[in-house]
PDB file of N, CA and C in Angstrom:
ATOM      1  N   UNK A   1      13.968 -79.103  81.990  1.00  0.00           N
ATOM      2  CA  UNK A   1      13.705 -78.034  81.785  1.00  0.00           C
ATOM      3  C   UNK A   1      15.431 -77.441  82.231  1.00  0.00           C
ATOM      4  N   UNK A   2      16.081 -78.194  83.485  1.00  0.00           N
ATOM      5  CA  UNK A   2      17.341 -77.591  83.648  1.00  0.00           C
ATOM      6  C   UNK A   2      18.232 -77.394  82.128  1.00  0.00           C
ATOM      7  N   UNK A   3      18.102 -78.383  81.180  1.00  0.00           N
ATOM      8  CA  UNK A   3      18.915 -78.652  79.783  1.00  0.00           C
ATOM      9  C   UNK A   3      18.585 -77.181  79.254  1.00  0.00           C
ATOM     10  N   UNK A   4      17.122 -77.069  79.646  1.00  0.00           N
ATOM     11  CA  UNK A   4      16.766 -75.705  78.664  1.00  0.00           C
ATOM     12  C   UNK A   4      17.359 -74.324  79.174  1.00  0.00           C
ATOM     13  N   UNK A   5      17.457 -74.059  80.919  1.00  0.00           N
ATOM     14  CA  UNK A   5      18.230 -72.955  81.048  1.00  0.00           C
ATOM     15  C   UNK A   5      19.199 -73.478  81.075  1.00  0.00           C
ATOM     16  N   UNK A   6      20.357 -73.959  80.901  1.00  0.00           N
ATOM     17  CA  UNK A   6      21.296 -74.118  80.995  1.00  0.00           C
ATOM     18  C   UNK A   6      22.018 -73.832  79.187  1.00  0.00           C
ATOM     19  N   UNK A   7      20.905 -74.072  78.266  1.00  0.00           N
ATOM     20  CA  UNK A   7      21.287 -73.585  77.137  1.00  0.00           C
ATOM     21  C   UNK A   7      21.145 -72.076  77.016  1.00  0.00           C
ATOM     22  N   UNK A   8      19.972 -71.537  77.533  1.00  0.00           N
ATOM     23  CA  UNK A   8      19.898 -70.258  77.574  1.00  0.00           C
ATOM     24  C   UNK A   8      20.936 -69.482  77.782  1.00  0.00           C
ATOM     25  N   UNK A   9      21.316 -69.951  78.951  1.00  0.00           N
ATOM     26  CA  UNK A   9      22.513 -69.397  79.840  1.00  0.00           C
ATOM     27  C   UNK A   9      23.632 -69.467  78.931  1.00  0.00           C
ATOM     28  N   UNK A  10      23.778 -70.099  78.487  1.00  0.00           N
ATOM     29  CA  UNK A  10      24.892 -70.338  77.044  1.00  0.00           C
ATOM     30  C   UNK A  10      24.977 -69.601  76.314  1.00  0.00           C
ATOM     31  N   UNK A  11      23.477 -69.188  75.799  1.00  0.00           N
ATOM     32  CA  UNK A  11      23.366 -68.388  74.509  1.00  0.00           C
ATOM     33  C   UNK A  11      23.924 -66.963  75.112  1.00  0.00           C
ATOM     34  N   UNK A  12      23.638 -66.698  76.050  1.00  0.00           N
ATOM     35  CA  UNK A  12      23.476 -65.199  76.730  1.00  0.00           C
ATOM     36  C   UNK A  12      25.433 -65.003  77.131  1.00  0.00           C
ATOM     37  N   UNK A  13      25.999 -66.073  77.529  1.00  0.00           N
ATOM     38  CA  UNK A  13      27.533 -65.738  77.579  1.00  0.00           C
ATOM     39  C   UNK A  13      27.711 -65.536  76.010  1.00  0.00           C
ATOM     40  N   UNK A  14      27.363 -66.157  75.496  1.00  0.00           N
ATOM     41  CA  UNK A  14      27.532 -66.193  73.840  1.00  0.00           C
ATOM     42  C   UNK A  14      27.754 -64.519  73.238  1.00  0.00           C
ATOM     43  N   UNK A  15      26.263 -63.979  73.480  1.00  0.00           N
ATOM     44  CA  UNK A  15      26.137 -63.173  72.979  1.00  0.00           C
ATOM     45  C   UNK A  15      27.238 -61.814  73.709  1.00  0.00           C
ATOM     46  N   UNK A  16      27.308 -61.765  74.770  1.00  0.00           N
ATOM     47  CA  UNK A  16      28.169 -61.247  75.787  1.00  0.00           C
ATOM     48  C   UNK A  16      29.724 -61.373  74.979  1.00  0.00           C
ATOM     49  N   UNK A  17      30.046 -62.035  74.473  1.00  0.00           N
ATOM     50  CA  UNK A  17      31.205 -62.067  73.589  1.00  0.00           C
ATOM     51  C   UNK A  17      31.484 -61.905  72.161  1.00  0.00           C
ATOM     52  N   UNK A  18      30.281 -62.041  72.008  1.00  0.00           N
ATOM     53  CA  UNK A  18      30.069 -61.540  70.185  1.00  0.00           C
ATOM     54  C   UNK A  18      29.886 -60.202  70.814  1.00  0.00           C
ATOM     55  N   UNK A  19      29.380 -59.472  71.333  1.00  0.00           N
ATOM     56  CA  UNK A  19      29.390 -57.924  71.734  1.00  0.00           C
ATOM     57  C   UNK A  19      30.800 -57.349  71.917  1.00  0.00           C
ATOM     58  N   UNK A  20      31.888 -58.101  72.731  1.00  0.00           N
ATOM     59  CA  UNK A  20      33.095 -57.715  73.344  1.00  0.00           C
ATOM     60  C   UNK A  20      34.026 -57.279  71.561  1.00  0.00           C
ATOM     61  N   UNK A  21      33.749 -58.915  70.839  1.00  0.00           N
ATOM     62  CA  UNK A  21      34.332 -58.760  69.557  1.00  0.00           C
ATOM     63  C   UNK A  21      33.868 -57.701  68.456  1.00  0.00           C
ATOM     64  N   UNK A  22      32.816 -57.564  68.497  1.00  0.00           N
ATOM     65  CA  UNK A  22      32.260 -56.728  67.761  1.00  0.00           C
ATOM     66  C   UNK A  22      32.879 -54.825  68.047  1.00  0.00           C
ATOM     67  N   UNK A  23      32.682 -54.359  69.609  1.00  0.00           N
ATOM     68  CA  UNK A  23      33.263 -53.530  69.901  1.00  0.00           C
ATOM     69  C   UNK A  23      35.165 -53.421  69.873  1.00  0.00           C
ATOM     70  N   UNK A  24      35.598 -54.385  69.650  1.00  0.00           N
ATOM     71  CA  UNK A  24      37.116 -54.913  69.090  1.00  0.00           C
ATOM     72  C   UNK A  24      37.353 -54.000  67.932  1.00  0.00           C
ATOM     73  N   UNK A  25      36.329 -54.731  66.773  1.00  0.00           N
ATOM     74  CA  UNK A  25      35.980 -54.659  65.558  1.00  0.00           C
ATOM     75  C   UNK A  25      36.401 -53.132  65.122  1.00  0.00           C
ATOM     76  N   UNK A  26      35.192 -52.365  66.091  1.00  0.00           N
ATOM     77  CA  UNK A  26      34.779 -50.928  65.506  1.00  0.00           C
ATOM     78  C   UNK A  26      36.245 -50.590  66.574  1.00  0.00           C
ATOM     79  N   UNK A  27      36.770 -50.495  67.578  1.00  0.00           N
ATOM     80  CA  UNK A  27      37.763 -50.052  67.886  1.00  0.00           C
ATOM     81  C   UNK A  27      39.266 -49.869  66.635  1.00  0.00           C
ATOM     82  N   UNK A  28      39.154 -51.127  66.184  1.00  0.00           N
ATOM     83  CA  UNK A  28      40.256 -51.262  65.504  1.00  0.00           C
ATOM     84  C   UNK A  28      40.263 -50.583  64.334  1.00  0.00           C
ATOM     85  N   UNK A  29      39.024 -50.704  63.335  1.00  0.00           N
ATOM     86  CA  UNK A  29      38.630 -50.010  62.951  1.00  0.00           C
ATOM     87  C   UNK A  29      38.736 -48.152  62.653  1.00  0.00           C
ATOM     88  N   UNK A  30      38.899 -47.641  64.091  1.00  0.00           N
ATOM     89  CA  UNK A  30      38.410 -46.463  64.334  1.00  0.00           C
ATOM     90  C   UNK A  30      40.399 -46.054  64.243  1.00  0.00           C
ATOM     91  N   UNK A  31      40.808 -47.039  64.832  1.00  0.00           N
ATOM     92  CA  UNK A  31      42.340 -46.649  65.049  1.00  0.00           C
ATOM     93  C   UNK A  31      43.123 -46.770  63.930  1.00  0.00           C
ATOM     94  N   UNK A  32      42.552 -47.672  62.659  1.00  0.00           N
ATOM     95  CA  UNK A  32      43.232 -47.888  61.010  1.00  0.00           C
ATOM     96  C   UNK A  32      42.749 -46.732  60.775  1.00  0.00           C
ATOM     97  N   UNK A  33      41.750 -45.903  60.773  1.00  0.00           N
ATOM     98  CA  UNK A  33      41.285 -44.678  60.034  1.00  0.00           C
ATOM     99  C   UNK A  33      41.894 -43.653  60.756  1.00  0.00           C
ATOM    100  N   UNK A  34      42.334 -43.775  61.948  1.00  0.00           N
ATOM    101  CA  UNK A  34      43.322 -42.515  62.710  1.00  0.00           C
ATOM    102  C   UNK A  34      44.549 -42.704  61.893  1.00  0.00           C
ATOM    103  N   UNK A  35      45.152 -43.685  61.865  1.00  0.00           N
ATOM    104  CA  UNK A  35      46.278 -43.971  61.522  1.00  0.00           C
ATOM    105  C   UNK A  35      46.708 -43.787  60.111  1.00  0.00           C
ATOM    106  N   UNK A  36      45.694 -43.378  59.079  1.00  0.00           N
ATOM    107  CA  UNK A  36      45.579 -43.418  57.624  1.00  0.00           C
ATOM    108  C   UNK A  36      45.482 -41.784  57.733  1.00  0.00           C
ATOM    109  N   UNK A  37      44.238 -41.089  58.590  1.00  0.00           N
ATOM    110  CA  UNK A  37      44.124 -39.547  58.207  1.00  0.00           C
ATOM    111  C   UNK A  37      46.086 -38.869  59.057  1.00  0.00           C
ATOM    112  N   UNK A  38      46.410 -39.511  60.122  1.00  0.00           N
ATOM    113  CA  UNK A  38      47.501 -38.792  60.457  1.00  0.00           C
ATOM    114  C   UNK A  38      48.669 -38.822  59.293  1.00  0.00           C
ATOM    115  N   UNK A  39      48.611 -39.974  58.690  1.00  0.00           N
ATOM    116  CA  UNK A  39      49.765 -40.288  57.507  1.00  0.00           C
ATOM    117  C   UNK A  39      49.434 -39.486  56.525  1.00  0.00           C
ATOM    118  N   UNK A  40      48.418 -39.362  56.067  1.00  0.00           N
ATOM    119  CA  UNK A  40      47.946 -38.287  54.718  1.00  0.00           C
ATOM    120  C   UNK A  40      47.882 -36.732  55.427  1.00  0.00           C
ATOM    121  N   UNK A  41      47.784 -36.573  56.579  1.00  0.00           N
ATOM    122  CA  UNK A  41      47.671 -35.341  57.151  1.00  0.00           C
ATOM    123  C   UNK A  41      49.196 -34.772  58.223  1.00  0.00           C
ATOM    124  N   UNK A  42      49.514 -35.628  58.442  1.00  0.00           N
ATOM    125  CA  UNK A  42      50.809 -35.370  59.202  1.00  0.00           C
ATOM    126  C   UNK A  42      51.473 -34.285  58.993  1.00  0.00           C
ATOM    127  N   UNK A  43      51.996 -33.866  57.852  1.00  0.00           N
ATOM    128  CA  UNK A  43      52.623 -32.660  57.039  1.00  0.00           C
ATOM    129  C   UNK A  43      51.793 -31.545  57.671  1.00  0.00           C
ATOM    130  N   UNK A  44      50.650 -31.337  57.224  1.00  0.00           N
ATOM    131  CA  UNK A  44      49.762 -30.459  57.788  1.00  0.00           C
ATOM    132  C   UNK A  44      49.796 -30.036  59.125  1.00  0.00           C
ATOM    133  N   UNK A  45      49.094 -31.134  59.573  1.00  0.00           N
ATOM    134  CA  UNK A  45      49.126 -30.670  61.494  1.00  0.00           C
ATOM    135  C   UNK A  45      50.569 -30.492  61.845  1.00  0.00           C
ATOM    136  N   UNK A  46      51.736 -30.663  61.607  1.00  0.00           N
ATOM    137  CA  UNK A  46      52.466 -30.315  62.193  1.00  0.00           C
ATOM    138  C   UNK A  46      53.066 -29.012  62.027  1.00  0.00           C
ATOM    139  N   UNK A  47      52.607 -28.479  60.604  1.00  0.00           N
ATOM    140  CA  UNK A  47      53.142 -27.018  60.377  1.00  0.00           C
ATOM    141  C   UNK A  47      52.000 -26.141  61.222  1.00  0.00           C
ATOM    142  N   UNK A  48      50.591 -26.705  61.428  1.00  0.00           N
ATOM    143  CA  UNK A  48      49.812 -26.030  62.071  1.00  0.00           C
ATOM    144  C   UNK A  48      50.224 -26.081  63.560  1.00  0.00           C
ATOM    145  N   UNK A  49      51.011 -27.240  64.403  1.00  0.00           N
ATOM    146  CA  UNK A  49      51.285 -27.319  65.685  1.00  0.00           C
ATOM    147  C   UNK A  49      52.485 -26.421  65.946  1.00  0.00           C
ATOM    148  N   UNK A  50      53.416 -26.125  65.070  1.00  0.00           N
ATOM    149  CA  UNK A  50      54.456 -25.397  64.920  1.00  0.00           C
ATOM    150  C   UNK A  50      54.214 -23.836  64.854  1.00  0.00           C
ATOM    151  N   UNK A  51      53.212 -23.792  63.899  1.00  0.00           N
ATOM    152  CA  UNK A  51      52.941 -22.118  64.064  1.00  0.00           C
ATOM    153  C   UNK A  51      52.133 -21.883  65.233  1.00  0.00           C
ATOM    154  N   UNK A  52      51.548 -22.429  65.434  1.00  0.00           N
ATOM    155  CA  UNK A  52      50.542 -22.192  67.152  1.00  0.00           C
ATOM    156  C   UNK A  52      51.604 -22.238  67.995  1.00  0.00           C
ATOM    157  N   UNK A  53      52.846 -23.013  68.179  1.00  0.00           N
ATOM    158  CA  UNK A  53      54.146 -23.477  69.016  1.00  0.00           C
ATOM    159  C   UNK A  53      55.177 -21.959  69.110  1.00  0.00           C
ATOM    160  N   UNK A  54      55.108 -21.716  67.740  1.00  0.00           N
ATOM    161  CA  UNK A  54      55.929 -20.186  67.645  1.00  0.00           C
ATOM    162  C   UNK A  54      55.014 -19.229  67.957  1.00  0.00           C
ATOM    163  N   UNK A  55      53.436 -19.176  67.728  1.00  0.00           N
ATOM    164  CA  UNK A  55      52.906 -17.902  68.529  1.00  0.00           C
ATOM    165  C   UNK A  55      52.592 -17.597  70.033  1.00  0.00           C
ATOM    166  N   UNK A  56      52.954 -18.852  70.634  1.00  0.00           N
ATOM    167  CA  UNK A  56      52.993 -18.402  72.231  1.00  0.00           C
ATOM    168  C   UNK A  56      54.349 -18.430  72.412  1.00  0.00           C
TER     169      UNK A  56
END
């Protein structure tokens, strides 16, 4: 019985680690998408911010 409880506890710990890995992958994907968007839209965003800064 103790073996089964230990095995189930081990499974729960592995699932927590798996969840952390999934969150890390999602965050990495979001970061990659944000970097790519800034590369392609950087000049447009810079122009908009310059216009806003000049008007203030």
